[in-house]
Amino acid sequence: MLTGNIIVMYYLGDVLKNAGVTNQELQLVMNVGINATSLGISIVGTFYVDKQGLKSATLVSTGGCAISLFALGILSKFNDNTDTTADEYAAVACTFLFAACYAFGWVPILFLLPAEMLYFRIRALGMSMFSLVICVTGIWGNFVMPLALQHLGWRLWILNGGWNLLFFGFVWWYWIEIRGKTLEEIGSPGHKS
């Protein structure tokens, strides 16, 4: 949720207006297209996670989200509120790129990782705690992010992209690859991927 998904996907109309896309028909077509694209890419991402692992998918996804948010921030900063078709298409492309990157890695990871990491006896409790954290974060983001977009404008995309870069470094350094490992191997001290 903190990758920028809340603001990009839930407040897509405001995101596009901020980037200069004011055509309502284009916004509607984009909303439908972005969701259909995300569905297809999340299926591809699920197969990728199965073949290459969670860490690789997380790095690809988070890196792509950061790049697209930086690009959207730059486009929003230099948008001169004119009806330039090139600006609109660039904003649409950045938004599609973000949605594709998020769907590729984060959609499969959000529900695969907790289930794979938890022992059977605590899996139900762990998944319910995970769902609680996701819901609370989503509620917080739904109230805070629109205000942040209103007050920060293009800076929100740069901040969110920076957060993603920090998280990319965290994943690169600290996460272990769990594909093909038993829970005992994952939990052993000093285990490295």
C-alpha atoms as a PDB file:
ATOM      1  CA  MET A   1       0.000   0.000   0.000  1.00  0.00           C
ATOM      2  CA  LEU A   2       2.850   2.363   0.745  1.00  0.00           C
ATOM      3  CA  THR A   3       4.384   1.826  -2.687  1.00  0.00           C
ATOM      4  CA  GLY A   4       1.974   4.438  -4.027  1.00  0.00           C
ATOM      5  CA  ASN A   5      -0.780   2.060  -5.007  1.00  0.00           C
ATOM      6  CA  ILE A   6      -3.454   3.763  -2.883  1.00  0.00           C
ATOM      7  CA  ILE A   7      -3.106   7.152  -4.481  1.00  0.00           C
ATOM      8  CA  VAL A   8      -2.475   5.970  -8.033  1.00  0.00           C
ATOM      9  CA  MET A   9      -5.252   3.403  -8.205  1.00  0.00           C
ATOM     10  CA  TYR A  10      -7.937   4.762  -5.867  1.00  0.00           C
ATOM     11  CA  TYR A  11      -7.645   8.415  -6.849  1.00  0.00           C
ATOM     12  CA  LEU A  12      -6.782   7.940 -10.500  1.00  0.00           C
ATOM     13  CA  GLY A  13      -8.926  10.888 -11.617  1.00  0.00           C
ATOM     14  CA  ASP A  14      -7.083  13.286  -9.306  1.00  0.00           C
ATOM     15  CA  VAL A  15      -3.744  11.813 -10.320  1.00  0.00           C
ATOM     16  CA  LEU A  16      -4.513  12.398 -13.975  1.00  0.00           C
ATOM     17  CA  LYS A  17      -5.815  15.929 -13.381  1.00  0.00           C
ATOM     18  CA  ASN A  18      -2.613  16.706 -11.464  1.00  0.00           C
ATOM     19  CA  ALA A  19      -0.605  15.466 -14.460  1.00  0.00           C
ATOM     20  CA  GLY A  20      -2.721  17.462 -16.934  1.00  0.00           C
ATOM     21  CA  VAL A  21      -5.165  14.797 -18.165  1.00  0.00           C
ATOM     22  CA  THR A  22      -8.589  16.428 -17.859  1.00  0.00           C
ATOM     23  CA  ASN A  23     -10.513  14.583 -20.581  1.00  0.00           C
ATOM     24  CA  GLN A  24     -13.198  12.550 -18.755  1.00  0.00           C
ATOM     25  CA  GLU A  25     -13.516   9.981 -21.543  1.00  0.00           C
ATOM     26  CA  LEU A  26      -9.775   9.343 -21.533  1.00  0.00           C
ATOM     27  CA  GLN A  27      -9.874   8.947 -17.747  1.00  0.00           C
ATOM     28  CA  LEU A  28     -12.699   6.394 -17.985  1.00  0.00           C
ATOM     29  CA  VAL A  29     -10.988   4.388 -20.721  1.00  0.00           C
ATOM     30  CA  MET A  30      -7.755   4.494 -18.768  1.00  0.00           C
ATOM     31  CA  ASN A  31      -9.435   3.301 -15.573  1.00  0.00           C
ATOM     32  CA  VAL A  32     -10.931   0.276 -17.312  1.00  0.00           C
ATOM     33  CA  GLY A  33      -7.740  -0.427 -19.218  1.00  0.00           C
ATOM     34  CA  ILE A  34      -5.490  -0.142 -16.200  1.00  0.00           C
ATOM     35  CA  ASN A  35      -7.560  -2.645 -14.227  1.00  0.00           C
ATOM     36  CA  ALA A  36      -7.725  -5.138 -17.098  1.00  0.00           C
ATOM     37  CA  THR A  37      -4.001  -4.788 -17.665  1.00  0.00           C
ATOM     38  CA  SER A  38      -3.296  -5.234 -13.963  1.00  0.00           C
ATOM     39  CA  LEU A  39      -5.277  -8.468 -13.910  1.00  0.00           C
ATOM     40  CA  GLY A  40      -3.316  -9.953 -16.782  1.00  0.00           C
ATOM     41  CA  ILE A  41       0.052  -8.800 -15.481  1.00  0.00           C
ATOM     42  CA  SER A  42      -0.648 -10.086 -11.967  1.00  0.00           C
ATOM     43  CA  ILE A  43      -1.246 -13.545 -13.457  1.00  0.00           C
ATOM     44  CA  VAL A  44       2.073 -13.318 -15.320  1.00  0.00           C
ATOM     45  CA  GLY A  45       3.704 -12.107 -12.086  1.00  0.00           C
ATOM     46  CA  THR A  46       2.354 -15.090 -10.193  1.00  0.00           C
ATOM     47  CA  PHE A  47       4.058 -17.455 -12.626  1.00  0.00           C
ATOM     48  CA  TYR A  48       7.250 -15.375 -12.418  1.00  0.00           C
ATOM     49  CA  VAL A  49       7.223 -15.612  -8.607  1.00  0.00           C
ATOM     50  CA  ASP A  50       6.824 -19.375  -8.900  1.00  0.00           C
ATOM     51  CA  LYS A  51       9.810 -19.684 -11.267  1.00  0.00           C
ATOM     52  CA  GLN A  52      12.170 -16.928 -10.077  1.00  0.00           C
ATOM     53  CA  GLY A  53      11.169 -16.320  -6.474  1.00  0.00           C
ATOM     54  CA  LEU A  54       9.677 -13.621  -4.293  1.00  0.00           C
ATOM     55  CA  LYS A  55      12.810 -11.531  -3.804  1.00  0.00           C
ATOM     56  CA  SER A  56      13.409 -11.129  -7.533  1.00  0.00           C
ATOM     57  CA  ALA A  57       9.775 -10.203  -8.178  1.00  0.00           C
ATOM     58  CA  THR A  58       9.820  -7.702  -5.317  1.00  0.00           C
ATOM     59  CA  LEU A  59      12.953  -6.019  -6.642  1.00  0.00           C
ATOM     60  CA  VAL A  60      11.598  -5.798 -10.191  1.00  0.00           C
ATOM     61  CA  SER A  61       8.239  -4.536  -8.976  1.00  0.00           C
ATOM     62  CA  THR A  62       9.535  -1.995  -6.470  1.00  0.00           C
ATOM     63  CA  GLY A  63      12.175  -0.665  -8.868  1.00  0.00           C
ATOM     64  CA  GLY A  64       9.592  -0.224 -11.612  1.00  0.00           C
ATOM     65  CA  CYS A  65       7.181   1.498  -9.225  1.00  0.00           C
ATOM     66  CA  ALA A  66       9.923   3.934  -8.162  1.00  0.00           C
ATOM     67  CA  ILE A  67      10.909   4.780 -11.741  1.00  0.00           C
ATOM     68  CA  SER A  68       7.316   5.361 -12.829  1.00  0.00           C
ATOM     69  CA  LEU A  69       6.557   7.545  -9.794  1.00  0.00           C
ATOM     70  CA  PHE A  70       9.645   9.673 -10.414  1.00  0.00           C
ATOM     71  CA  ALA A  71       8.593  10.078 -14.052  1.00  0.00           C
ATOM     72  CA  LEU A  72       5.028  10.982 -13.044  1.00  0.00           C
ATOM     73  CA  GLY A  73       6.407  13.516 -10.547  1.00  0.00           C
ATOM     74  CA  ILE A  74       8.589  15.144 -13.190  1.00  0.00           C
ATOM     75  CA  LEU A  75       5.711  15.263 -15.667  1.00  0.00           C
ATOM     76  CA  SER A  76       3.430  16.787 -13.016  1.00  0.00           C
ATOM     77  CA  LYS A  77       6.029  19.408 -12.050  1.00  0.00           C
ATOM     78  CA  PHE A  78       6.528  20.610 -15.592  1.00  0.00           C
ATOM     79  CA  ASN A  79       2.894  20.379 -16.635  1.00  0.00           C
ATOM     80  CA  ASP A  80       1.918  23.869 -17.696  1.00  0.00           C
ATOM     81  CA  ASN A  81      -1.837  23.144 -17.603  1.00  0.00           C
ATOM     82  CA  THR A  82      -2.112  23.333 -21.364  1.00  0.00           C
ATOM     83  CA  ASP A  83      -4.006  20.776 -23.378  1.00  0.00           C
ATOM     84  CA  THR A  84      -0.907  19.094 -24.749  1.00  0.00           C
ATOM     85  CA  THR A  85      -1.674  15.607 -25.979  1.00  0.00           C
ATOM     86  CA  ALA A  86       1.947  14.509 -25.504  1.00  0.00           C
ATOM     87  CA  ASP A  87       1.778  15.411 -21.789  1.00  0.00           C
ATOM     88  CA  GLU A  88      -1.435  13.452 -21.390  1.00  0.00           C
ATOM     89  CA  TYR A  89      -0.071  10.369 -23.129  1.00  0.00           C
ATOM     90  CA  ALA A  90       3.134  10.493 -21.098  1.00  0.00           C
ATOM     91  CA  ALA A  91       1.127  10.686 -17.852  1.00  0.00           C
ATOM     92  CA  VAL A  92      -1.037   7.777 -19.009  1.00  0.00           C
ATOM     93  CA  ALA A  93       2.071   5.751 -19.888  1.00  0.00           C
ATOM     94  CA  CYS A  94       3.643   6.411 -16.462  1.00  0.00           C
ATOM     95  CA  THR A  95       0.436   5.454 -14.690  1.00  0.00           C
ATOM     96  CA  PHE A  96       0.143   2.243 -16.729  1.00  0.00           C
ATOM     97  CA  LEU A  97       3.801   1.474 -16.025  1.00  0.00           C
ATOM     98  CA  PHE A  98       3.238   1.935 -12.292  1.00  0.00           C
ATOM     99  CA  ALA A  99       0.128  -0.270 -12.305  1.00  0.00           C
ATOM    100  CA  ALA A 100       1.926  -2.946 -14.326  1.00  0.00           C
ATOM    101  CA  CYS A 101       4.935  -2.965 -12.002  1.00  0.00           C
ATOM    102  CA  TYR A 102       2.744  -3.093  -8.908  1.00  0.00           C
ATOM    103  CA  ALA A 103       0.578  -5.878 -10.341  1.00  0.00           C
ATOM    104  CA  PHE A 104       3.597  -7.882 -11.489  1.00  0.00           C
ATOM    105  CA  GLY A 105       5.203  -8.210  -8.073  1.00  0.00           C
ATOM    106  CA  TRP A 106       3.196  -6.819  -5.225  1.00  0.00           C
ATOM    107  CA  VAL A 107      -0.182  -8.358  -6.029  1.00  0.00           C
ATOM    108  CA  PRO A 108       1.130 -11.949  -5.885  1.00  0.00           C
ATOM    109  CA  ILE A 109       3.598 -11.245  -3.072  1.00  0.00           C
ATOM    110  CA  LEU A 110       1.092  -9.720  -0.673  1.00  0.00           C
ATOM    111  CA  PHE A 111      -0.707 -12.996  -0.179  1.00  0.00           C
ATOM    112  CA  LEU A 112       1.946 -15.566  -1.005  1.00  0.00           C
ATOM    113  CA  LEU A 113       4.661 -14.360   1.352  1.00  0.00           C
ATOM    114  CA  PRO A 114       2.809 -14.520   4.674  1.00  0.00           C
ATOM    115  CA  ALA A 115       1.285 -17.896   3.844  1.00  0.00           C
ATOM    116  CA  GLU A 116       4.669 -19.356   2.858  1.00  0.00           C
ATOM    117  CA  MET A 117       6.581 -17.923   5.819  1.00  0.00           C
ATOM    118  CA  LEU A 118       4.281 -18.959   8.667  1.00  0.00           C
ATOM    119  CA  TYR A 119       4.182 -22.346  10.335  1.00  0.00           C
ATOM    120  CA  PHE A 120       0.869 -24.142   9.971  1.00  0.00           C
ATOM    121  CA  ARG A 121      -0.155 -23.737  13.628  1.00  0.00           C
ATOM    122  CA  ILE A 122       0.115 -19.938  13.460  1.00  0.00           C
ATOM    123  CA  ARG A 123      -0.792 -19.389   9.806  1.00  0.00           C
ATOM    124  CA  ALA A 124      -4.440 -18.446  10.451  1.00  0.00           C
ATOM    125  CA  LEU A 125      -3.474 -15.943  13.157  1.00  0.00           C
ATOM    126  CA  GLY A 126      -0.653 -14.559  11.028  1.00  0.00           C
ATOM    127  CA  MET A 127      -2.854 -14.128   7.973  1.00  0.00           C
ATOM    128  CA  SER A 128      -5.546 -12.420  10.028  1.00  0.00           C
ATOM    129  CA  MET A 129      -2.965 -10.058  11.543  1.00  0.00           C
ATOM    130  CA  PHE A 130      -1.605  -9.397   8.059  1.00  0.00           C
ATOM    131  CA  SER A 131      -5.121  -8.608   6.808  1.00  0.00           C
ATOM    132  CA  LEU A 132      -5.648  -6.247   9.756  1.00  0.00           C
ATOM    133  CA  VAL A 133      -2.430  -4.370   9.013  1.00  0.00           C
ATOM    134  CA  ILE A 134      -3.300  -4.121   5.309  1.00  0.00           C
ATOM    135  CA  CYS A 135      -6.804  -2.823   6.097  1.00  0.00           C
ATOM    136  CA  VAL A 136      -5.577  -0.260   8.647  1.00  0.00           C
ATOM    137  CA  THR A 137      -2.875   0.919   6.253  1.00  0.00           C
ATOM    138  CA  GLY A 138      -5.464   1.167   3.464  1.00  0.00           C
ATOM    139  CA  ILE A 139      -7.852   3.198   5.618  1.00  0.00           C
ATOM    140  CA  TRP A 140      -5.030   5.509   6.690  1.00  0.00           C
ATOM    141  CA  GLY A 141      -3.892   5.912   3.098  1.00  0.00           C
ATOM    142  CA  ASN A 142      -7.391   6.663   1.844  1.00  0.00           C
ATOM    143  CA  PHE A 143      -7.623   9.631   4.212  1.00  0.00           C
ATOM    144  CA  VAL A 144      -4.049  10.896   4.101  1.00  0.00           C
ATOM    145  CA  MET A 145      -2.952  10.463   0.490  1.00  0.00           C
ATOM    146  CA  PRO A 146      -5.580  12.736  -1.128  1.00  0.00           C
ATOM    147  CA  LEU A 147      -4.594  15.505   1.308  1.00  0.00           C
ATOM    148  CA  ALA A 148      -0.942  14.876   0.543  1.00  0.00           C
ATOM    149  CA  LEU A 149      -1.620  15.076  -3.198  1.00  0.00           C
ATOM    150  CA  GLN A 150      -3.560  18.293  -2.729  1.00  0.00           C
ATOM    151  CA  HIS A 151      -0.868  19.950  -0.595  1.00  0.00           C
ATOM    152  CA  LEU A 152       2.312  18.440  -2.042  1.00  0.00           C
ATOM    153  CA  GLY A 153       1.304  17.960  -5.670  1.00  0.00           C
ATOM    154  CA  TRP A 154       4.193  16.589  -7.754  1.00  0.00           C
ATOM    155  CA  ARG A 155       6.405  16.293  -4.650  1.00  0.00           C
ATOM    156  CA  LEU A 156       4.247  13.400  -3.434  1.00  0.00           C
ATOM    157  CA  TRP A 157       5.369  11.300  -6.411  1.00  0.00           C
ATOM    158  CA  ILE A 158       9.015  12.100  -5.736  1.00  0.00           C
ATOM    159  CA  LEU A 159       8.622  11.256  -2.019  1.00  0.00           C
ATOM    160  CA  ASN A 160       6.824   8.025  -2.832  1.00  0.00           C
ATOM    161  CA  GLY A 161       9.454   7.105  -5.424  1.00  0.00           C
ATOM    162  CA  GLY A 162      12.170   7.796  -2.825  1.00  0.00           C
ATOM    163  CA  TRP A 163      10.371   5.573  -0.329  1.00  0.00           C
ATOM    164  CA  ASN A 164      10.323   2.815  -2.939  1.00  0.00           C
ATOM    165  CA  LEU A 165      14.066   3.199  -3.501  1.00  0.00           C
ATOM    166  CA  LEU A 166      14.667   2.855   0.245  1.00  0.00           C
ATOM    167  CA  PHE A 167      12.482  -0.232   0.306  1.00  0.00           C
ATOM    168  CA  PHE A 168      14.318  -1.603  -2.747  1.00  0.00           C
ATOM    169  CA  GLY A 169      17.580  -1.334  -0.786  1.00  0.00           C
ATOM    170  CA  PHE A 170      16.004  -2.999   2.229  1.00  0.00           C
ATOM    171  CA  VAL A 171      14.754  -5.922   0.147  1.00  0.00           C
ATOM    172  CA  TRP A 172      18.088  -6.258  -1.658  1.00  0.00           C
ATOM    173  CA  TRP A 173      20.052  -6.366   1.581  1.00  0.00           C
ATOM    174  CA  TYR A 174      17.790  -8.098   4.121  1.00  0.00           C
ATOM    175  CA  TRP A 175      15.257 -10.326   2.376  1.00  0.00           C
ATOM    176  CA  ILE A 176      16.111 -13.931   1.799  1.00  0.00           C
ATOM    177  CA  GLU A 177      14.839 -15.958  -1.116  1.00  0.00           C
ATOM    178  CA  ILE A 178      12.366 -18.551   0.127  1.00  0.00           C
ATOM    179  CA  ARG A 179      11.618 -20.349  -3.141  1.00  0.00           C
ATOM    180  CA  GLY A 180      12.403 -24.040  -2.743  1.00  0.00           C
ATOM    181  CA  LYS A 181      13.259 -23.707   0.961  1.00  0.00           C
ATOM    182  CA  THR A 182      11.594 -25.419   3.901  1.00  0.00           C
ATOM    183  CA  LEU A 183      10.403 -23.401   6.882  1.00  0.00           C
ATOM    184  CA  GLU A 184      13.289 -24.833   8.894  1.00  0.00           C
ATOM    185  CA  GLU A 185      15.796 -23.607   6.313  1.00  0.00           C
ATOM    186  CA  ILE A 186      14.177 -20.170   6.197  1.00  0.00           C
ATOM    187  CA  GLY A 187      14.145 -19.865   9.994  1.00  0.00           C
ATOM    188  CA  SER A 188      17.688 -21.081  10.653  1.00  0.00           C
ATOM    189  CA  PRO A 189      20.112 -18.463  12.037  1.00  0.00           C
ATOM    190  CA  GLY A 190      22.571 -17.164   9.522  1.00  0.00           C
ATOM    191  CA  HIS A 191      20.626 -18.445   6.506  1.00  0.00           C
ATOM    192  CA  LYS A 192      21.441 -16.456   3.380  1.00  0.00           C
ATOM    193  CA  SER A 193      19.837 -16.737  -0.033  1.00  0.00           C
END
